[in-house]
């Protein structure tokens, strides 16, 4: 499984806990925003002036899935 632009921020954080570091570095506001539950990564990136493709690439480079089932 990979992180995609249409995935919600909350889904990415839950599925790939390591993504927290990238969000904290690039768009830290998304870690505490209530909208992260329903907002796509693409929308969050665009709203904060970040290239969504660059963000997805960085997220997938560092993505490690959660070991919780």
Protein backbone atom coordinates (compact mmCIF):
# COMPACT_ATOMS: atom_id res chain seq x y z
CA UNK A 1 0.00 0.00 0.00
CA UNK A 2 1.18 3.48 -0.88
CA UNK A 3 0.15 6.94 0.24
CA UNK A 4 -1.96 8.68 -2.40
CA UNK A 5 -3.17 12.25 -2.91
CA UNK A 6 -6.80 11.29 -2.30
CA UNK A 7 -6.04 9.60 1.03
CA UNK A 8 -7.09 11.65 4.04
CA UNK A 9 -4.37 13.08 6.22
CA UNK A 10 -5.72 11.13 9.20
CA UNK A 11 -5.70 7.87 7.19
CA UNK A 12 -2.07 8.42 6.19
CA UNK A 13 -1.09 9.14 9.79
CA UNK A 14 -2.90 6.06 11.07
CA UNK A 15 -1.69 3.67 8.37
CA UNK A 16 1.84 5.08 8.16
CA UNK A 17 2.85 6.53 11.57
CA UNK A 18 6.23 7.50 10.11
CA UNK A 19 4.42 10.05 7.91
CA UNK A 20 4.03 12.22 11.03
CA UNK A 21 7.62 13.43 10.61
CA UNK A 22 6.95 14.64 7.07
CA UNK A 23 3.69 16.37 8.01
CA UNK A 24 5.40 17.97 11.00
CA UNK A 25 8.16 19.29 8.74
CA UNK A 26 6.02 20.39 5.76
CA UNK A 27 2.56 21.24 7.12
CA UNK A 28 2.53 20.98 10.92
CA UNK A 29 -0.90 22.65 11.09
CA UNK A 30 -2.40 19.43 9.72
CA UNK A 31 -1.39 17.45 12.80
CA UNK A 32 -3.77 19.38 15.05
CA UNK A 33 -6.48 20.37 12.57
CA UNK A 34 -9.89 18.76 12.97
CA UNK A 35 -10.28 18.84 9.20
CA UNK A 36 -7.51 16.27 8.81
CA UNK A 37 -10.10 13.54 9.39
CA UNK A 38 -11.83 14.32 6.10
CA UNK A 39 -9.33 16.42 4.17
CA UNK A 40 -7.27 14.81 1.44
CA UNK A 41 -3.53 15.15 1.38
CA UNK A 42 -3.83 16.96 -1.95
CA UNK A 43 -6.22 19.56 -0.55
CA UNK A 44 -4.13 20.08 2.59
CA UNK A 45 -0.96 20.52 0.58
CA UNK A 46 -2.61 22.90 -1.89
CA UNK A 47 -4.16 24.99 0.90
CA UNK A 48 -0.72 25.45 2.45
CA UNK A 49 1.09 26.22 -0.82
CA UNK A 50 2.91 22.91 -1.07
CA UNK A 51 3.22 20.88 -4.26
CA UNK A 52 1.06 17.78 -3.63
CA UNK A 53 3.20 15.58 -5.90
CA UNK A 54 6.37 16.52 -4.02
CA UNK A 55 4.66 15.86 -0.68
CA UNK A 56 3.35 12.44 -1.79
CA UNK A 57 6.80 11.50 -3.07
CA UNK A 58 8.41 12.45 0.23
CA UNK A 59 5.70 10.68 2.25
CA UNK A 60 6.13 7.45 0.26
CA UNK A 61 9.93 7.56 0.59
CA UNK A 62 9.62 7.56 4.36
CA UNK A 63 6.43 5.49 4.73
CA UNK A 64 6.53 2.55 7.07
CA UNK A 65 3.18 0.85 7.67
CA UNK A 66 1.81 0.50 11.17
CA UNK A 67 2.39 -2.91 12.72
CA UNK A 68 -1.04 -2.78 14.39
CA UNK A 69 -3.72 -4.89 12.76
